[in-house]
Amino acid sequence: MFLTAIGMKSYQFTYIQNSMFLAKLAETFDKRYGEIIKWWIYEDKAMTQEFANEIKEIAKGREWQENGISILIKHNDVCGYLDPEECKEVFRAIKDMHIPEEIDTKDKGFEYMLDCWRYMTKYCSENKQRLEYQ
């Protein structure tokens, strides 16, 4: 998977790395939220109404952040793009996040991926570019 935008360096991650990163990002937002997202990603099942209601409870007061994270998690990572407004929402949600050492890989791989997402979403939102997945 490549993250690319006109005028920017591209970043490459495997689909497995990206799925693991999204689960860790969700876990960073909230441990239970992370468990729900892992179930949804790895079990490849439809999101149940029960889980959707639980997510609403978890996100109370942080709906704006959950919305930006949700855009990233739910987006098709095979082929497509995030438009500049979606990039703005994602950046706003993740700009101050850090993946704690205890849930990162030994070589800080997920924190690096978070930095790449931050950098790309900020650039795309400020420059009205779309962030493409290839």
C-alpha atoms as a PDB file:
ATOM      1  CA  MET A   1       0.000   0.000   0.000  1.00  0.00           C
ATOM      2  CA  PHE A   2       1.322   3.427  -0.971  1.00  0.00           C
ATOM      3  CA  LEU A   3       0.247   6.745   0.522  1.00  0.00           C
ATOM      4  CA  THR A   4       0.802   9.383  -2.098  1.00  0.00           C
ATOM      5  CA  ALA A   5      -0.110  12.980  -2.896  1.00  0.00           C
ATOM      6  CA  ILE A   6       0.955  15.283  -5.689  1.00  0.00           C
ATOM      7  CA  GLY A   7       4.200  17.010  -4.757  1.00  0.00           C
ATOM      8  CA  MET A   8       4.943  14.713  -1.799  1.00  0.00           C
ATOM      9  CA  LYS A   9       7.178  11.775  -1.071  1.00  0.00           C
ATOM     10  CA  SER A  10       5.226   8.493  -1.028  1.00  0.00           C
ATOM     11  CA  TYR A  11       5.147   6.158   1.961  1.00  0.00           C
ATOM     12  CA  GLN A  12       4.765   2.416   1.644  1.00  0.00           C
ATOM     13  CA  PHE A  13       3.306  -0.008   4.175  1.00  0.00           C
ATOM     14  CA  THR A  14       2.055  -3.545   3.801  1.00  0.00           C
ATOM     15  CA  TYR A  15      -1.673  -4.116   4.156  1.00  0.00           C
ATOM     16  CA  ILE A  16      -1.001  -6.197   7.264  1.00  0.00           C
ATOM     17  CA  GLN A  17       1.103  -3.411   8.804  1.00  0.00           C
ATOM     18  CA  ASN A  18      -1.658  -0.926   8.071  1.00  0.00           C
ATOM     19  CA  SER A  19      -4.354  -3.140   9.624  1.00  0.00           C
ATOM     20  CA  MET A  20      -2.219  -3.648  12.730  1.00  0.00           C
ATOM     21  CA  PHE A  21      -1.529   0.091  12.892  1.00  0.00           C
ATOM     22  CA  LEU A  22      -5.247   0.937  12.686  1.00  0.00           C
ATOM     23  CA  ALA A  23      -5.995  -1.507  15.521  1.00  0.00           C
ATOM     24  CA  LYS A  24      -3.232   0.066  17.648  1.00  0.00           C
ATOM     25  CA  LEU A  25      -4.468   3.560  16.828  1.00  0.00           C
ATOM     26  CA  ALA A  26      -7.956   2.559  17.958  1.00  0.00           C
ATOM     27  CA  GLU A  27      -6.518   1.032  21.135  1.00  0.00           C
ATOM     28  CA  THR A  28      -4.651   4.280  21.796  1.00  0.00           C
ATOM     29  CA  PHE A  29      -7.948   6.173  21.570  1.00  0.00           C
ATOM     30  CA  ASP A  30      -9.570   3.763  24.041  1.00  0.00           C
ATOM     31  CA  LYS A  31      -8.715   0.178  25.024  1.00  0.00           C
ATOM     32  CA  ARG A  32     -12.273  -1.123  24.514  1.00  0.00           C
ATOM     33  CA  TYR A  33     -12.607   0.791  21.248  1.00  0.00           C
ATOM     34  CA  GLY A  34      -9.432  -0.984  20.112  1.00  0.00           C
ATOM     35  CA  GLU A  35     -10.895  -4.386  21.027  1.00  0.00           C
ATOM     36  CA  ILE A  36     -14.036  -3.652  18.998  1.00  0.00           C
ATOM     37  CA  ILE A  37     -12.035  -2.486  15.985  1.00  0.00           C
ATOM     38  CA  LYS A  38      -9.732  -5.540  16.169  1.00  0.00           C
ATOM     39  CA  TRP A  39     -12.800  -7.794  16.142  1.00  0.00           C
ATOM     40  CA  TRP A  40     -14.249  -5.887  13.196  1.00  0.00           C
ATOM     41  CA  ILE A  41     -10.977  -5.870  11.186  1.00  0.00           C
ATOM     42  CA  TYR A  42      -9.664  -9.349  11.942  1.00  0.00           C
ATOM     43  CA  GLU A  43     -12.927 -11.254  12.096  1.00  0.00           C
ATOM     44  CA  ASP A  44     -14.158  -9.481   8.939  1.00  0.00           C
ATOM     45  CA  LYS A  45     -17.671  -9.204  10.350  1.00  0.00           C
ATOM     46  CA  ALA A  46     -20.271  -6.485  10.063  1.00  0.00           C
ATOM     47  CA  MET A  47     -20.288  -3.896  12.843  1.00  0.00           C
ATOM     48  CA  THR A  48     -23.145  -4.819  15.170  1.00  0.00           C
ATOM     49  CA  GLN A  49     -25.583  -2.282  16.572  1.00  0.00           C
ATOM     50  CA  GLU A  50     -24.410  -3.265  20.059  1.00  0.00           C
ATOM     51  CA  PHE A  51     -20.811  -2.336  19.186  1.00  0.00           C
ATOM     52  CA  ALA A  52     -21.943   0.861  17.433  1.00  0.00           C
ATOM     53  CA  ASN A  53     -23.811   1.899  20.593  1.00  0.00           C
ATOM     54  CA  GLU A  54     -20.778   1.065  22.728  1.00  0.00           C
ATOM     55  CA  ILE A  55     -18.565   3.183  20.452  1.00  0.00           C
ATOM     56  CA  LYS A  56     -20.952   6.110  20.882  1.00  0.00           C
ATOM     57  CA  GLU A  57     -20.613   5.766  24.662  1.00  0.00           C
ATOM     58  CA  ILE A  58     -16.828   5.484  24.492  1.00  0.00           C
ATOM     59  CA  ALA A  59     -16.581   8.576  22.274  1.00  0.00           C
ATOM     60  CA  LYS A  60     -18.848  10.845  24.325  1.00  0.00           C
ATOM     61  CA  GLY A  61     -17.139  14.204  24.570  1.00  0.00           C
ATOM     62  CA  ARG A  62     -14.592  13.125  21.958  1.00  0.00           C
ATOM     63  CA  GLU A  63     -16.941  12.498  19.027  1.00  0.00           C
ATOM     64  CA  TRP A  64     -14.905  14.787  16.782  1.00  0.00           C
ATOM     65  CA  GLN A  65     -11.803  12.694  17.440  1.00  0.00           C
ATOM     66  CA  GLU A  66     -13.568   9.376  17.008  1.00  0.00           C
ATOM     67  CA  ASN A  67     -15.049  10.653  13.731  1.00  0.00           C
ATOM     68  CA  GLY A  68     -11.582  11.407  12.330  1.00  0.00           C
ATOM     69  CA  ILE A  69     -10.180   8.082  13.504  1.00  0.00           C
ATOM     70  CA  SER A  70     -13.248   6.342  12.108  1.00  0.00           C
ATOM     71  CA  ILE A  71     -12.677   7.902   8.672  1.00  0.00           C
ATOM     72  CA  LEU A  72      -9.207   6.379   8.638  1.00  0.00           C
ATOM     73  CA  ILE A  73     -10.218   2.983  10.029  1.00  0.00           C
ATOM     74  CA  LYS A  74     -13.271   2.483   7.819  1.00  0.00           C
ATOM     75  CA  HIS A  75     -11.688   3.687   4.591  1.00  0.00           C
ATOM     76  CA  ASN A  76     -10.934   1.108   1.916  1.00  0.00           C
ATOM     77  CA  ASP A  77      -7.147   0.730   1.922  1.00  0.00           C
ATOM     78  CA  VAL A  78      -6.930  -1.190  -1.353  1.00  0.00           C
ATOM     79  CA  CYS A  79      -7.485   1.637  -3.802  1.00  0.00           C
ATOM     80  CA  GLY A  80      -8.984   5.045  -3.324  1.00  0.00           C
ATOM     81  CA  TYR A  81      -8.377   8.359  -1.670  1.00  0.00           C
ATOM     82  CA  LEU A  82      -9.171  10.708   1.174  1.00  0.00           C
ATOM     83  CA  ASP A  83     -10.372  14.101   0.023  1.00  0.00           C
ATOM     84  CA  PRO A  84      -8.916  17.274   1.619  1.00  0.00           C
ATOM     85  CA  GLU A  85     -11.843  17.630   4.064  1.00  0.00           C
ATOM     86  CA  GLU A  86     -11.450  14.021   5.217  1.00  0.00           C
ATOM     87  CA  CYS A  87      -7.706  14.633   5.605  1.00  0.00           C
ATOM     88  CA  LYS A  88      -8.506  17.662   7.754  1.00  0.00           C
ATOM     89  CA  GLU A  89     -10.761  15.554  10.020  1.00  0.00           C
ATOM     90  CA  VAL A  90      -8.198  12.753  10.274  1.00  0.00           C
ATOM     91  CA  PHE A  91      -5.347  15.164  11.008  1.00  0.00           C
ATOM     92  CA  ARG A  92      -7.371  16.956  13.665  1.00  0.00           C
ATOM     93  CA  ALA A  93      -8.103  13.603  15.344  1.00  0.00           C
ATOM     94  CA  ILE A  94      -4.539  12.242  15.309  1.00  0.00           C
ATOM     95  CA  LYS A  95      -2.356  15.364  15.527  1.00  0.00           C
ATOM     96  CA  ASP A  96      -1.730  15.034  19.290  1.00  0.00           C
ATOM     97  CA  MET A  97      -1.926  11.252  19.559  1.00  0.00           C
ATOM     98  CA  HIS A  98       1.064   9.069  20.364  1.00  0.00           C
ATOM     99  CA  ILE A  99       1.073   5.309  20.423  1.00  0.00           C
ATOM    100  CA  PRO A 100       2.367   4.272  23.858  1.00  0.00           C
ATOM    101  CA  GLU A 101       5.547   2.218  23.990  1.00  0.00           C
ATOM    102  CA  GLU A 102       3.798  -0.738  25.569  1.00  0.00           C
ATOM    103  CA  ILE A 103       1.537  -1.215  22.539  1.00  0.00           C
ATOM    104  CA  ASP A 104       4.057  -0.245  19.846  1.00  0.00           C
ATOM    105  CA  THR A 105       6.496  -2.586  18.140  1.00  0.00           C
ATOM    106  CA  LYS A 106      10.072  -2.829  19.376  1.00  0.00           C
ATOM    107  CA  ASP A 107      11.322  -0.532  16.632  1.00  0.00           C
ATOM    108  CA  LYS A 108       8.558   2.087  17.109  1.00  0.00           C
ATOM    109  CA  GLY A 109       6.995   1.160  13.768  1.00  0.00           C
ATOM    110  CA  PHE A 110       3.462   2.264  14.641  1.00  0.00           C
ATOM    111  CA  GLU A 111       4.588   5.662  15.924  1.00  0.00           C
ATOM    112  CA  TYR A 112       6.458   6.144  12.637  1.00  0.00           C
ATOM    113  CA  MET A 113       3.303   5.221  10.682  1.00  0.00           C
ATOM    114  CA  LEU A 114       1.313   7.682  12.785  1.00  0.00           C
ATOM    115  CA  ASP A 115       3.882  10.376  11.922  1.00  0.00           C
ATOM    116  CA  CYS A 116       3.480   9.558   8.208  1.00  0.00           C
ATOM    117  CA  TRP A 117      -0.318   9.776   8.431  1.00  0.00           C
ATOM    118  CA  ARG A 118      -0.075  13.059  10.337  1.00  0.00           C
ATOM    119  CA  TYR A 119       2.338  14.537   7.834  1.00  0.00           C
ATOM    120  CA  MET A 120       0.364  13.451   4.776  1.00  0.00           C
ATOM    121  CA  THR A 121      -3.094  14.394   6.085  1.00  0.00           C
ATOM    122  CA  LYS A 122      -1.858  17.809   7.212  1.00  0.00           C
ATOM    123  CA  TYR A 123      -0.208  18.485   3.850  1.00  0.00           C
ATOM    124  CA  CYS A 124      -3.271  17.349   1.885  1.00  0.00           C
ATOM    125  CA  SER A 125      -5.749  19.327   3.969  1.00  0.00           C
ATOM    126  CA  GLU A 126      -3.680  22.527   3.809  1.00  0.00           C
ATOM    127  CA  ASN A 127      -2.899  22.223   0.091  1.00  0.00           C
ATOM    128  CA  LYS A 128      -6.308  20.949  -1.053  1.00  0.00           C
ATOM    129  CA  GLN A 129      -4.778  17.729  -2.355  1.00  0.00           C
ATOM    130  CA  ARG A 130      -6.274  14.303  -2.121  1.00  0.00           C
ATOM    131  CA  LEU A 131      -4.350  11.590  -0.341  1.00  0.00           C
ATOM    132  CA  GLU A 132      -4.325   8.507  -2.525  1.00  0.00           C
ATOM    133  CA  TYR A 133      -4.025   4.850  -1.582  1.00  0.00           C
ATOM    134  CA  GLN A 134      -2.434   2.647  -4.215  1.00  0.00           C
END
